[in-house]
């Protein structure tokens, strides 16, 4: 009986893991990118974002880790890792960010990564 219970629990855990780790819904859009965000909203970009502002240090680190650090045009003062992030201009402390600074013609971001509130 105990062995059966362990196998049942293990099978359930594996099924739950596979379901939770399934890729997010990504529907191809002609020449663009469409995804569903955490709030179940459909977000569509005409092309992959080339100019990104990150308002969360962990997102800044992820962007550099996946090789998209060259697309980052703005960060918060707290985004200090990796060291290459310090070369990107800061938009302030993050909460509240300087909207005027982010939307200036010099930066004109296509995507702003904002932490959940």
PDB file of N, CA and C in Angstrom:
ATOM      1  N   UNK A   1       0.819  -1.202   0.000  1.00  0.00           N
ATOM      2  CA  UNK A   1       0.000   0.000   0.000  1.00  0.00           C
ATOM      3  C   UNK A   1       0.863   1.267   0.000  1.00  0.00           C
ATOM      4  N   UNK A   2       1.918   1.266   0.808  1.00  0.00           N
ATOM      5  CA  UNK A   2       2.780   2.449   0.893  1.00  0.00           C
ATOM      6  C   UNK A   2       3.489   2.701  -0.438  1.00  0.00           C
ATOM      7  N   UNK A   3       3.934   1.645  -1.088  1.00  0.00           N
ATOM      8  CA  UNK A   3       4.618   1.783  -2.364  1.00  0.00           C
ATOM      9  C   UNK A   3       3.675   2.356  -3.427  1.00  0.00           C
ATOM     10  N   UNK A   4       2.422   1.904  -3.430  1.00  0.00           N
ATOM     11  CA  UNK A   4       1.414   2.400  -4.369  1.00  0.00           C
ATOM     12  C   UNK A   4       1.177   3.893  -4.148  1.00  0.00           C
ATOM     13  N   UNK A   5       1.106   4.323  -2.885  1.00  0.00           N
ATOM     14  CA  UNK A   5       0.887   5.731  -2.549  1.00  0.00           C
ATOM     15  C   UNK A   5       2.046   6.587  -3.032  1.00  0.00           C
ATOM     16  N   UNK A   6       3.269   6.102  -2.849  1.00  0.00           N
ATOM     17  CA  UNK A   6       4.436   6.853  -3.298  1.00  0.00           C
ATOM     18  C   UNK A   6       4.433   7.005  -4.821  1.00  0.00           C
ATOM     19  N   UNK A   7       4.117   5.941  -5.528  1.00  0.00           N
ATOM     20  CA  UNK A   7       4.087   5.999  -6.985  1.00  0.00           C
ATOM     21  C   UNK A   7       2.988   6.927  -7.479  1.00  0.00           C
ATOM     22  N   UNK A   8       1.843   6.893  -6.819  1.00  0.00           N
ATOM     23  CA  UNK A   8       0.730   7.762  -7.200  1.00  0.00           C
ATOM     24  C   UNK A   8       1.107   9.227  -7.000  1.00  0.00           C
ATOM     25  N   UNK A   9       1.715   9.513  -5.856  1.00  0.00           N
ATOM     26  CA  UNK A   9       2.127  10.893  -5.589  1.00  0.00           C
ATOM     27  C   UNK A   9       3.211  11.345  -6.575  1.00  0.00           C
ATOM     28  N   UNK A  10       4.148  10.468  -6.882  1.00  0.00           N
ATOM     29  CA  UNK A  10       5.202  10.798  -7.831  1.00  0.00           C
ATOM     30  C   UNK A  10       4.620  11.060  -9.219  1.00  0.00           C
ATOM     31  N   UNK A  11       3.687  10.226  -9.648  1.00  0.00           N
ATOM     32  CA  UNK A  11       3.049  10.426 -10.955  1.00  0.00           C
ATOM     33  C   UNK A  11       2.290  11.752 -10.985  1.00  0.00           C
ATOM     34  N   UNK A  12       1.592  12.083  -9.909  1.00  0.00           N
ATOM     35  CA  UNK A  12       0.872  13.354  -9.838  1.00  0.00           C
ATOM     36  C   UNK A  12       1.814  14.539  -9.876  1.00  0.00           C
ATOM     37  N   UNK A  13       2.939  14.427  -9.173  1.00  0.00           N
ATOM     38  CA  UNK A  13       3.931  15.501  -9.158  1.00  0.00           C
ATOM     39  C   UNK A  13       4.536  15.710 -10.542  1.00  0.00           C
ATOM     40  N   UNK A  14       4.844  14.632 -11.222  1.00  0.00           N
ATOM     41  CA  UNK A  14       5.396  14.734 -12.575  1.00  0.00           C
ATOM     42  C   UNK A  14       4.383  15.375 -13.514  1.00  0.00           C
ATOM     43  N   UNK A  15       3.111  14.952 -13.425  1.00  0.00           N
ATOM     44  CA  UNK A  15       2.070  15.534 -14.280  1.00  0.00           C
ATOM     45  C   UNK A  15       1.903  17.025 -13.994  1.00  0.00           C
ATOM     46  N   UNK A  16       1.922  17.403 -12.718  1.00  0.00           N
ATOM     47  CA  UNK A  16       1.789  18.814 -12.345  1.00  0.00           C
ATOM     48  C   UNK A  16       2.979  19.624 -12.865  1.00  0.00           C
ATOM     49  N   UNK A  17       4.178  19.075 -12.747  1.00  0.00           N
ATOM     50  CA  UNK A  17       5.370  19.765 -13.222  1.00  0.00           C
ATOM     51  C   UNK A  17       5.323  19.982 -14.728  1.00  0.00           C
ATOM     52  N   UNK A  18       4.936  18.942 -15.465  1.00  0.00           N
ATOM     53  CA  UNK A  18       4.856  19.077 -16.922  1.00  0.00           C
ATOM     54  C   UNK A  18       3.807  20.104 -17.338  1.00  0.00           C
ATOM     55  N   UNK A  19       2.690  20.146 -16.616  1.00  0.00           N
ATOM     56  CA  UNK A  19       1.641  21.119 -16.926  1.00  0.00           C
ATOM     57  C   UNK A  19       2.101  22.538 -16.603  1.00  0.00           C
ATOM     58  N   UNK A  20       2.746  22.714 -15.456  1.00  0.00           N
ATOM     59  CA  UNK A  20       3.183  24.047 -15.037  1.00  0.00           C
ATOM     60  C   UNK A  20       4.315  24.582 -15.902  1.00  0.00           C
ATOM     61  N   UNK A  21       5.132  23.700 -16.431  1.00  0.00           N
ATOM     62  CA  UNK A  21       6.280  24.122 -17.225  1.00  0.00           C
ATOM     63  C   UNK A  21       5.997  24.139 -18.723  1.00  0.00           C
ATOM     64  N   UNK A  22       4.756  23.977 -19.085  1.00  0.00           N
ATOM     65  CA  UNK A  22       4.400  24.013 -20.503  1.00  0.00           C
ATOM     66  C   UNK A  22       4.681  25.411 -21.046  1.00  0.00           C
ATOM     67  N   UNK A  23       5.095  25.522 -22.293  1.00  0.00           N
ATOM     68  CA  UNK A  23       5.391  26.844 -22.859  1.00  0.00           C
ATOM     69  C   UNK A  23       4.140  27.719 -22.891  1.00  0.00           C
ATOM     70  N   UNK A  24       4.368  29.013 -22.705  1.00  0.00           N
ATOM     71  CA  UNK A  24       3.269  29.971 -22.755  1.00  0.00           C
ATOM     72  C   UNK A  24       2.667  30.005 -24.154  1.00  0.00           C
ATOM     73  N   UNK A  25       1.433  30.406 -24.213  1.00  0.00           N
ATOM     74  CA  UNK A  25       0.769  30.488 -25.514  1.00  0.00           C
ATOM     75  C   UNK A  25       1.438  31.575 -26.348  1.00  0.00           C
ATOM     76  N   UNK A  26       1.909  31.194 -27.488  1.00  0.00           N
ATOM     77  CA  UNK A  26       2.540  32.141 -28.390  1.00  0.00           C
ATOM     78  C   UNK A  26       1.976  31.883 -29.775  1.00  0.00           C
ATOM     79  N   UNK A  27       1.197  32.810 -30.230  1.00  0.00           N
ATOM     80  CA  UNK A  27       0.570  32.665 -31.528  1.00  0.00           C
ATOM     81  C   UNK A  27       1.353  33.491 -32.535  1.00  0.00           C
ATOM     82  N   UNK A  28       1.803  32.864 -33.621  1.00  0.00           N
ATOM     83  CA  UNK A  28       2.557  33.642 -34.600  1.00  0.00           C
ATOM     84  C   UNK A  28       1.684  34.706 -35.255  1.00  0.00           C
ATOM     85  N   UNK A  29       2.227  35.884 -35.348  1.00  0.00           N
ATOM     86  CA  UNK A  29       1.554  36.999 -36.000  1.00  0.00           C
ATOM     87  C   UNK A  29       2.410  37.363 -37.197  1.00  0.00           C
ATOM     88  N   UNK A  30       1.792  37.653 -38.264  1.00  0.00           N
ATOM     89  CA  UNK A  30       2.537  37.951 -39.489  1.00  0.00           C
ATOM     90  C   UNK A  30       3.540  39.084 -39.245  1.00  0.00           C
ATOM     91  N   UNK A  31       4.828  38.728 -39.229  1.00  0.00           N
ATOM     92  CA  UNK A  31       5.888  39.712 -39.057  1.00  0.00           C
ATOM     93  C   UNK A  31       6.019  40.243 -37.649  1.00  0.00           C
ATOM     94  N   UNK A  32       5.351  39.670 -36.651  1.00  0.00           N
ATOM     95  CA  UNK A  32       5.415  40.220 -35.313  1.00  0.00           C
ATOM     96  C   UNK A  32       5.444  39.156 -34.235  1.00  0.00           C
ATOM     97  N   UNK A  33       5.194  39.592 -33.012  1.00  0.00           N
ATOM     98  CA  UNK A  33       5.219  38.725 -31.849  1.00  0.00           C
ATOM     99  C   UNK A  33       3.942  38.955 -31.063  1.00  0.00           C
ATOM    100  N   UNK A  34       3.265  37.863 -30.676  1.00  0.00           N
ATOM    101  CA  UNK A  34       2.063  37.963 -29.848  1.00  0.00           C
ATOM    102  C   UNK A  34       2.185  36.986 -28.698  1.00  0.00           C
ATOM    103  N   UNK A  35       1.987  37.468 -27.485  1.00  0.00           N
ATOM    104  CA  UNK A  35       2.032  36.627 -26.292  1.00  0.00           C
ATOM    105  C   UNK A  35       0.876  37.012 -25.378  1.00  0.00           C
ATOM    106  N   UNK A  36       0.598  36.150 -24.397  1.00  0.00           N
ATOM    107  CA  UNK A  36      -0.387  36.443 -23.368  1.00  0.00           C
ATOM    108  C   UNK A  36       0.372  36.682 -22.085  1.00  0.00           C
ATOM    109  N   UNK A  37       0.155  37.844 -21.437  1.00  0.00           N
ATOM    110  CA  UNK A  37       0.901  38.176 -20.230  1.00  0.00           C
ATOM    111  C   UNK A  37       0.285  37.517 -19.004  1.00  0.00           C
ATOM    112  N   UNK A  38       0.853  37.793 -17.819  1.00  0.00           N
ATOM    113  CA  UNK A  38       0.395  37.180 -16.578  1.00  0.00           C
ATOM    114  C   UNK A  38      -1.025  37.582 -16.199  1.00  0.00           C
ATOM    115  N   UNK A  39      -1.502  38.686 -16.706  1.00  0.00           N
ATOM    116  CA  UNK A  39      -2.860  39.142 -16.422  1.00  0.00           C
ATOM    117  C   UNK A  39      -3.842  38.662 -17.493  1.00  0.00           C
ATOM    118  N   UNK A  40      -3.423  37.697 -18.307  1.00  0.00           N
ATOM    119  CA  UNK A  40      -4.238  37.114 -19.383  1.00  0.00           C
ATOM    120  C   UNK A  40      -4.614  38.126 -20.460  1.00  0.00           C
ATOM    121  N   UNK A  41      -3.789  39.146 -20.623  1.00  0.00           N
ATOM    122  CA  UNK A  41      -4.009  40.122 -21.693  1.00  0.00           C
ATOM    123  C   UNK A  41      -3.162  39.737 -22.888  1.00  0.00           C
ATOM    124  N   UNK A  42      -3.689  39.961 -24.043  1.00  0.00           N
ATOM    125  CA  UNK A  42      -2.970  39.672 -25.276  1.00  0.00           C
ATOM    126  C   UNK A  42      -2.094  40.874 -25.626  1.00  0.00           C
ATOM    127  N   UNK A  43      -0.803  40.649 -25.782  1.00  0.00           N
ATOM    128  CA  UNK A  43       0.145  41.704 -26.116  1.00  0.00           C
ATOM    129  C   UNK A  43       0.738  41.373 -27.481  1.00  0.00           C
ATOM    130  N   UNK A  44       0.623  42.313 -28.412  1.00  0.00           N
ATOM    131  CA  UNK A  44       1.125  42.087 -29.765  1.00  0.00           C
ATOM    132  C   UNK A  44       2.087  43.206 -30.139  1.00  0.00           C
ATOM    133  N   UNK A  45       3.252  42.813 -30.602  1.00  0.00           N
ATOM    134  CA  UNK A  45       4.233  43.768 -31.105  1.00  0.00           C
ATOM    135  C   UNK A  45       4.423  43.505 -32.594  1.00  0.00           C
ATOM    136  N   UNK A  46       4.570  44.549 -33.367  1.00  0.00           N
ATOM    137  CA  UNK A  46       4.745  44.389 -34.812  1.00  0.00           C
ATOM    138  C   UNK A  46       6.039  43.651 -35.131  1.00  0.00           C
ATOM    139  N   UNK A  47       7.043  43.783 -34.277  1.00  0.00           N
ATOM    140  CA  UNK A  47       8.331  43.111 -34.439  1.00  0.00           C
ATOM    141  C   UNK A  47       8.933  42.971 -33.046  1.00  0.00           C
ATOM    142  N   UNK A  48       9.923  42.113 -32.870  1.00  0.00           N
ATOM    143  CA  UNK A  48      10.575  42.041 -31.561  1.00  0.00           C
ATOM    144  C   UNK A  48      11.105  43.414 -31.139  1.00  0.00           C
ATOM    145  N   UNK A  49      10.907  43.754 -29.869  1.00  0.00           N
ATOM    146  CA  UNK A  49      11.305  45.073 -29.368  1.00  0.00           C
ATOM    147  C   UNK A  49      12.809  45.281 -29.493  1.00  0.00           C
ATOM    148  N   UNK A  50      13.191  46.407 -30.051  1.00  0.00           N
ATOM    149  CA  UNK A  50      14.606  46.748 -30.218  1.00  0.00           C
ATOM    150  C   UNK A  50      15.071  47.754 -29.171  1.00  0.00           C
ATOM    151  N   UNK A  51      14.124  48.467 -28.552  1.00  0.00           N
ATOM    152  CA  UNK A  51      14.458  49.473 -27.546  1.00  0.00           C
ATOM    153  C   UNK A  51      13.632  49.177 -26.300  1.00  0.00           C
ATOM    154  N   UNK A  52      14.314  48.729 -25.225  1.00  0.00           N
ATOM    155  CA  UNK A  52      13.650  48.250 -24.020  1.00  0.00           C
ATOM    156  C   UNK A  52      14.104  49.064 -22.814  1.00  0.00           C
ATOM    157  N   UNK A  53      13.145  49.411 -21.943  1.00  0.00           N
ATOM    158  CA  UNK A  53      13.447  50.025 -20.651  1.00  0.00           C
ATOM    159  C   UNK A  53      13.038  49.016 -19.582  1.00  0.00           C
ATOM    160  N   UNK A  54      13.951  48.695 -18.668  1.00  0.00           N
ATOM    161  CA  UNK A  54      13.678  47.748 -17.594  1.00  0.00           C
ATOM    162  C   UNK A  54      13.584  48.497 -16.276  1.00  0.00           C
ATOM    163  N   UNK A  55      12.478  48.284 -15.560  1.00  0.00           N
ATOM    164  CA  UNK A  55      12.281  48.955 -14.279  1.00  0.00           C
ATOM    165  C   UNK A  55      12.406  47.997 -13.100  1.00  0.00           C
ATOM    166  N   UNK A  56      13.044  46.858 -13.323  1.00  0.00           N
ATOM    167  CA  UNK A  56      13.243  45.873 -12.267  1.00  0.00           C
ATOM    168  C   UNK A  56      14.628  45.239 -12.448  1.00  0.00           C
ATOM    169  N   UNK A  57      15.477  45.260 -11.415  1.00  0.00           N
ATOM    170  CA  UNK A  57      16.835  44.727 -11.557  1.00  0.00           C
ATOM    171  C   UNK A  57      16.882  43.287 -12.072  1.00  0.00           C
ATOM    172  N   UNK A  58      15.979  42.449 -11.626  1.00  0.00           N
ATOM    173  CA  UNK A  58      16.016  41.051 -12.083  1.00  0.00           C
ATOM    174  C   UNK A  58      15.746  40.952 -13.578  1.00  0.00           C
ATOM    175  N   UNK A  59      14.866  41.793 -14.106  1.00  0.00           N
ATOM    176  CA  UNK A  59      14.597  41.784 -15.546  1.00  0.00           C
ATOM    177  C   UNK A  59      15.822  42.278 -16.323  1.00  0.00           C
ATOM    178  N   UNK A  60      16.509  43.266 -15.760  1.00  0.00           N
ATOM    179  CA  UNK A  60      17.715  43.773 -16.406  1.00  0.00           C
ATOM    180  C   UNK A  60      18.766  42.662 -16.496  1.00  0.00           C
ATOM    181  N   UNK A  61      18.930  41.920 -15.410  1.00  0.00           N
ATOM    182  CA  UNK A  61      19.877  40.806 -15.412  1.00  0.00           C
ATOM    183  C   UNK A  61      19.485  39.754 -16.436  1.00  0.00           C
ATOM    184  N   UNK A  62      18.196  39.455 -16.523  1.00  0.00           N
ATOM    185  CA  UNK A  62      17.722  38.453 -17.484  1.00  0.00           C
ATOM    186  C   UNK A  62      17.983  38.918 -18.910  1.00  0.00           C
ATOM    187  N   UNK A  63      17.722  40.188 -19.196  1.00  0.00           N
ATOM    188  CA  UNK A  63      17.966  40.704 -20.542  1.00  0.00           C
ATOM    189  C   UNK A  63      19.431  40.526 -20.943  1.00  0.00           C
ATOM    190  N   UNK A  64      20.342  40.815 -20.020  1.00  0.00           N
ATOM    191  CA  UNK A  64      21.760  40.625 -20.327  1.00  0.00           C
ATOM    192  C   UNK A  64      22.089  39.140 -20.436  1.00  0.00           C
ATOM    193  N   UNK A  65      21.486  38.312 -19.600  1.00  0.00           N
ATOM    194  CA  UNK A  65      21.773  36.874 -19.620  1.00  0.00           C
ATOM    195  C   UNK A  65      21.342  36.214 -20.928  1.00  0.00           C
ATOM    196  N   UNK A  66      20.253  36.692 -21.521  1.00  0.00           N
ATOM    197  CA  UNK A  66      19.789  36.090 -22.778  1.00  0.00           C
ATOM    198  C   UNK A  66      20.399  36.776 -24.000  1.00  0.00           C
ATOM    199  N   UNK A  67      21.318  37.708 -23.756  1.00  0.00           N
ATOM    200  CA  UNK A  67      22.011  38.350 -24.866  1.00  0.00           C
ATOM    201  C   UNK A  67      21.288  39.538 -25.458  1.00  0.00           C
ATOM    202  N   UNK A  68      20.327  40.089 -24.728  1.00  0.00           N
ATOM    203  CA  UNK A  68      19.571  41.240 -25.233  1.00  0.00           C
ATOM    204  C   UNK A  68      19.977  42.540 -24.541  1.00  0.00           C
ATOM    205  N   UNK A  69      21.126  42.565 -23.908  1.00  0.00           N
ATOM    206  CA  UNK A  69      21.586  43.765 -23.221  1.00  0.00           C
ATOM    207  C   UNK A  69      21.784  44.949 -24.149  1.00  0.00           C
ATOM    208  N   UNK A  70      22.093  44.677 -25.420  1.00  0.00           N
ATOM    209  CA  UNK A  70      22.283  45.766 -26.380  1.00  0.00           C
ATOM    210  C   UNK A  70      20.974  46.460 -26.730  1.00  0.00           C
ATOM    211  N   UNK A  71      19.847  45.847 -26.414  1.00  0.00           N
ATOM    212  CA  UNK A  71      18.537  46.457 -26.688  1.00  0.00           C
ATOM    213  C   UNK A  71      18.049  47.336 -25.540  1.00  0.00           C
ATOM    214  N   UNK A  72      18.728  47.264 -24.397  1.00  0.00           N
ATOM    215  CA  UNK A  72      18.330  48.019 -23.220  1.00  0.00           C
ATOM    216  C   UNK A  72      18.738  49.478 -23.378  1.00  0.00           C
ATOM    217  N   UNK A  73      17.758  50.391 -23.307  1.00  0.00           N
ATOM    218  CA  UNK A  73      18.043  51.820 -23.450  1.00  0.00           C
ATOM    219  C   UNK A  73      17.759  52.598 -22.173  1.00  0.00           C
ATOM    220  N   UNK A  74      17.230  51.918 -21.142  1.00  0.00           N
ATOM    221  CA  UNK A  74      16.943  52.581 -19.876  1.00  0.00           C
ATOM    222  C   UNK A  74      16.833  51.566 -18.755  1.00  0.00           C
ATOM    223  N   UNK A  75      17.219  51.983 -17.557  1.00  0.00           N
ATOM    224  CA  UNK A  75      17.185  51.120 -16.376  1.00  0.00           C
ATOM    225  C   UNK A  75      16.943  51.984 -15.153  1.00  0.00           C
ATOM    226  N   UNK A  76      16.726  51.355 -13.988  1.00  0.00           N
ATOM    227  CA  UNK A  76      16.607  52.116 -12.753  1.00  0.00           C
ATOM    228  C   UNK A  76      17.990  52.257 -12.117  1.00  0.00           C
ATOM    229  N   UNK A  77      18.084  53.086 -11.092  1.00  0.00           N
ATOM    230  CA  UNK A  77      19.366  53.240 -10.397  1.00  0.00           C
ATOM    231  C   UNK A  77      19.757  51.959  -9.666  1.00  0.00           C
ATOM    232  N   UNK A  78      18.785  51.090  -9.403  1.00  0.00           N
ATOM    233  CA  UNK A  78      19.047  49.837  -8.685  1.00  0.00           C
ATOM    234  C   UNK A  78      19.526  48.727  -9.619  1.00  0.00           C
ATOM    235  N   UNK A  79      19.423  48.919 -10.900  1.00  0.00           N
ATOM    236  CA  UNK A  79      19.866  47.912 -11.875  1.00  0.00           C
ATOM    237  C   UNK A  79      21.371  48.072 -12.091  1.00  0.00           C
ATOM    238  N   UNK A  80      22.161  47.397 -11.255  1.00  0.00           N
ATOM    239  CA  UNK A  80      23.612  47.581 -11.319  1.00  0.00           C
ATOM    240  C   UNK A  80      24.376  46.296 -11.623  1.00  0.00           C
ATOM    241  N   UNK A  81      23.668  45.263 -12.014  1.00  0.00           N
ATOM    242  CA  UNK A  81      24.335  44.014 -12.375  1.00  0.00           C
ATOM    243  C   UNK A  81      23.718  43.471 -13.641  1.00  0.00           C
ATOM    244  N   UNK A  82      24.504  43.000 -14.541  1.00  0.00           N
ATOM    245  CA  UNK A  82      25.961  42.930 -14.597  1.00  0.00           C
ATOM    246  C   UNK A  82      26.576  44.317 -14.750  1.00  0.00           C
ATOM    247  N   UNK A  83      27.869  44.437 -14.572  1.00  0.00           N
ATOM    248  CA  UNK A  83      28.515  45.752 -14.662  1.00  0.00           C
ATOM    249  C   UNK A  83      28.214  46.494 -15.963  1.00  0.00           C
ATOM    250  N   UNK A  84      27.958  45.783 -17.044  1.00  0.00           N
ATOM    251  CA  UNK A  84      27.627  46.438 -18.318  1.00  0.00           C
ATOM    252  C   UNK A  84      26.331  47.227 -18.225  1.00  0.00           C
ATOM    253  N   UNK A  85      25.460  46.889 -17.283  1.00  0.00           N
ATOM    254  CA  UNK A  85      24.194  47.605 -17.123  1.00  0.00           C
ATOM    255  C   UNK A  85      24.418  49.045 -16.677  1.00  0.00           C
ATOM    256  N   UNK A  86      25.527  49.295 -16.006  1.00  0.00           N
ATOM    257  CA  UNK A  86      25.812  50.655 -15.536  1.00  0.00           C
ATOM    258  C   UNK A  86      26.061  51.621 -16.689  1.00  0.00           C
ATOM    259  N   UNK A  87      26.368  51.112 -17.865  1.00  0.00           N
ATOM    260  CA  UNK A  87      26.588  51.973 -19.033  1.00  0.00           C
ATOM    261  C   UNK A  87      25.268  52.443 -19.641  1.00  0.00           C
ATOM    262  N   UNK A  88      24.160  51.820 -19.252  1.00  0.00           N
ATOM    263  CA  UNK A  88      22.838  52.189 -19.769  1.00  0.00           C
ATOM    264  C   UNK A  88      22.310  53.355 -18.934  1.00  0.00           C
ATOM    265  N   UNK A  89      21.741  54.397 -19.548  1.00  0.00           N
ATOM    266  CA  UNK A  89      21.224  55.538 -18.798  1.00  0.00           C
ATOM    267  C   UNK A  89      20.119  55.143 -17.820  1.00  0.00           C
ATOM    268  N   UNK A  90      20.086  55.813 -16.676  1.00  0.00           N
ATOM    269  CA  UNK A  90      19.096  55.533 -15.636  1.00  0.00           C
ATOM    270  C   UNK A  90      17.877  56.437 -15.795  1.00  0.00           C
ATOM    271  N   UNK A  91      16.692  55.892 -15.490  1.00  0.00           N
ATOM    272  CA  UNK A  91      15.458  56.673 -15.544  1.00  0.00           C
ATOM    273  C   UNK A  91      14.987  57.056 -14.146  1.00  0.00           C
ATOM    274  N   UNK A  92      15.812  56.839 -13.140  1.00  0.00           N
ATOM    275  CA  UNK A  92      15.458  57.186 -11.776  1.00  0.00           C
ATOM    276  C   UNK A  92      15.392  55.953 -10.892  1.00  0.00           C
ATOM    277  N   UNK A  93      14.708  56.095  -9.763  1.00  0.00           N
ATOM    278  CA  UNK A  93      14.644  55.015  -8.777  1.00  0.00           C
ATOM    279  C   UNK A  93      13.696  53.884  -9.151  1.00  0.00           C
ATOM    280  N   UNK A  94      12.876  54.061 -10.114  1.00  0.00           N
ATOM    281  CA  UNK A  94      11.958  53.007 -10.532  1.00  0.00           C
ATOM    282  C   UNK A  94      10.543  53.228 -10.054  1.00  0.00           C
ATOM    283  N   UNK A  95      10.346  53.631  -8.839  1.00  0.00           N
ATOM    284  CA  UNK A  95       9.005  53.885  -8.323  1.00  0.00           C
ATOM    285  C   UNK A  95       8.953  55.262  -7.701  1.00  0.00           C
ATOM    286  N   UNK A  96       8.402  56.237  -8.280  1.00  0.00           N
ATOM    287  CA  UNK A  96       7.876  56.248  -9.639  1.00  0.00           C
ATOM    288  C   UNK A  96       8.997  56.531 -10.633  1.00  0.00           C
ATOM    289  N   UNK A  97       8.936  55.925 -11.795  1.00  0.00           N
ATOM    290  CA  UNK A  97       9.964  56.214 -12.807  1.00  0.00           C
ATOM    291  C   UNK A  97       9.719  57.575 -13.442  1.00  0.00           C
ATOM    292  N   UNK A  98      10.736  58.111 -14.033  1.00  0.00           N
ATOM    293  CA  UNK A  98      10.610  59.379 -14.738  1.00  0.00           C
ATOM    294  C   UNK A  98      10.042  59.102 -16.127  1.00  0.00           C
ATOM    295  N   UNK A  99       8.750  59.304 -16.274  1.00  0.00           N
ATOM    296  CA  UNK A  99       8.083  59.036 -17.546  1.00  0.00           C
ATOM    297  C   UNK A  99       8.623  59.963 -18.630  1.00  0.00           C
ATOM    298  N   UNK A 100       8.875  61.219 -18.280  1.00  0.00           N
ATOM    299  CA  UNK A 100       9.418  62.162 -19.259  1.00  0.00           C
ATOM    300  C   UNK A 100      10.770  61.679 -19.767  1.00  0.00           C
ATOM    301  N   UNK A 101      11.585  61.148 -18.865  1.00  0.00           N
ATOM    302  CA  UNK A 101      12.899  60.652 -19.250  1.00  0.00           C
ATOM    303  C   UNK A 101      12.760  59.423 -20.155  1.00  0.00           C
ATOM    304  N   UNK A 102      11.850  58.516 -19.795  1.00  0.00           N
ATOM    305  CA  UNK A 102      11.657  57.301 -20.595  1.00  0.00           C
ATOM    306  C   UNK A 102      11.133  57.598 -21.989  1.00  0.00           C
ATOM    307  N   UNK A 103      10.229  58.543 -22.102  1.00  0.00           N
ATOM    308  CA  UNK A 103       9.571  58.796 -23.373  1.00  0.00           C
ATOM    309  C   UNK A 103      10.229  59.895 -24.199  1.00  0.00           C
ATOM    310  N   UNK A 104      11.409  60.319 -23.765  1.00  0.00           N
ATOM    311  CA  UNK A 104      12.091  61.349 -24.533  1.00  0.00           C
ATOM    312  C   UNK A 104      12.444  60.823 -25.920  1.00  0.00           C
ATOM    313  N   UNK A 105      12.578  61.699 -26.843  1.00  0.00           N
ATOM    314  CA  UNK A 105      12.873  61.304 -28.226  1.00  0.00           C
ATOM    315  C   UNK A 105      14.196  60.556 -28.341  1.00  0.00           C
ATOM    316  N   UNK A 106      15.115  60.834 -27.410  1.00  0.00           N
ATOM    317  CA  UNK A 106      16.415  60.175 -27.474  1.00  0.00           C
ATOM    318  C   UNK A 106      16.288  58.664 -27.236  1.00  0.00           C
ATOM    319  N   UNK A 107      15.327  58.252 -26.390  1.00  0.00           N
ATOM    320  CA  UNK A 107      15.194  56.836 -26.063  1.00  0.00           C
ATOM    321  C   UNK A 107      14.061  56.199 -26.836  1.00  0.00           C
ATOM    322  N   UNK A 108      12.905  56.755 -26.765  1.00  0.00           N
ATOM    323  CA  UNK A 108      11.689  56.280 -27.411  1.00  0.00           C
ATOM    324  C   UNK A 108      11.571  54.753 -27.369  1.00  0.00           C
ATOM    325  N   UNK A 109      11.352  54.185 -26.154  1.00  0.00           N
ATOM    326  CA  UNK A 109      11.326  52.723 -26.037  1.00  0.00           C
ATOM    327  C   UNK A 109      10.108  52.101 -26.709  1.00  0.00           C
ATOM    328  N   UNK A 110      10.275  50.914 -27.207  1.00  0.00           N
ATOM    329  CA  UNK A 110       9.175  50.151 -27.792  1.00  0.00           C
ATOM    330  C   UNK A 110       8.519  49.272 -26.740  1.00  0.00           C
ATOM    331  N   UNK A 111       9.283  48.930 -25.679  1.00  0.00           N
ATOM    332  CA  UNK A 111       8.786  48.058 -24.619  1.00  0.00           C
ATOM    333  C   UNK A 111       9.329  48.540 -23.281  1.00  0.00           C
ATOM    334  N   UNK A 112       8.439  48.710 -22.295  1.00  0.00           N
ATOM    335  CA  UNK A 112       8.846  49.057 -20.926  1.00  0.00           C
ATOM    336  C   UNK A 112       8.459  47.870 -20.056  1.00  0.00           C
ATOM    337  N   UNK A 113       9.444  47.277 -19.405  1.00  0.00           N
ATOM    338  CA  UNK A 113       9.193  46.142 -18.518  1.00  0.00           C
ATOM    339  C   UNK A 113       8.994  46.686 -17.131  1.00  0.00           C
ATOM    340  N   UNK A 114       7.766  46.591 -16.646  1.00  0.00           N
ATOM    341  CA  UNK A 114       7.341  47.200 -15.396  1.00  0.00           C
ATOM    342  C   UNK A 114       7.034  46.109 -14.390  1.00  0.00           C
ATOM    343  N   UNK A 115       7.470  46.234 -13.125  1.00  0.00           N
ATOM    344  CA  UNK A 115       7.160  45.191 -12.141  1.00  0.00           C
ATOM    345  C   UNK A 115       5.675  45.171 -11.813  1.00  0.00           C
ATOM    346  N   UNK A 116       5.143  44.008 -11.463  1.00  0.00           N
ATOM    347  CA  UNK A 116       3.728  43.927 -11.099  1.00  0.00           C
ATOM    348  C   UNK A 116       3.456  44.731  -9.834  1.00  0.00           C
ATOM    349  N   UNK A 117       2.325  45.373  -9.790  1.00  0.00           N
ATOM    350  CA  UNK A 117       1.978  46.183  -8.622  1.00  0.00           C
ATOM    351  C   UNK A 117       1.042  45.446  -7.698  1.00  0.00           C
TER     352      UNK A 117
END
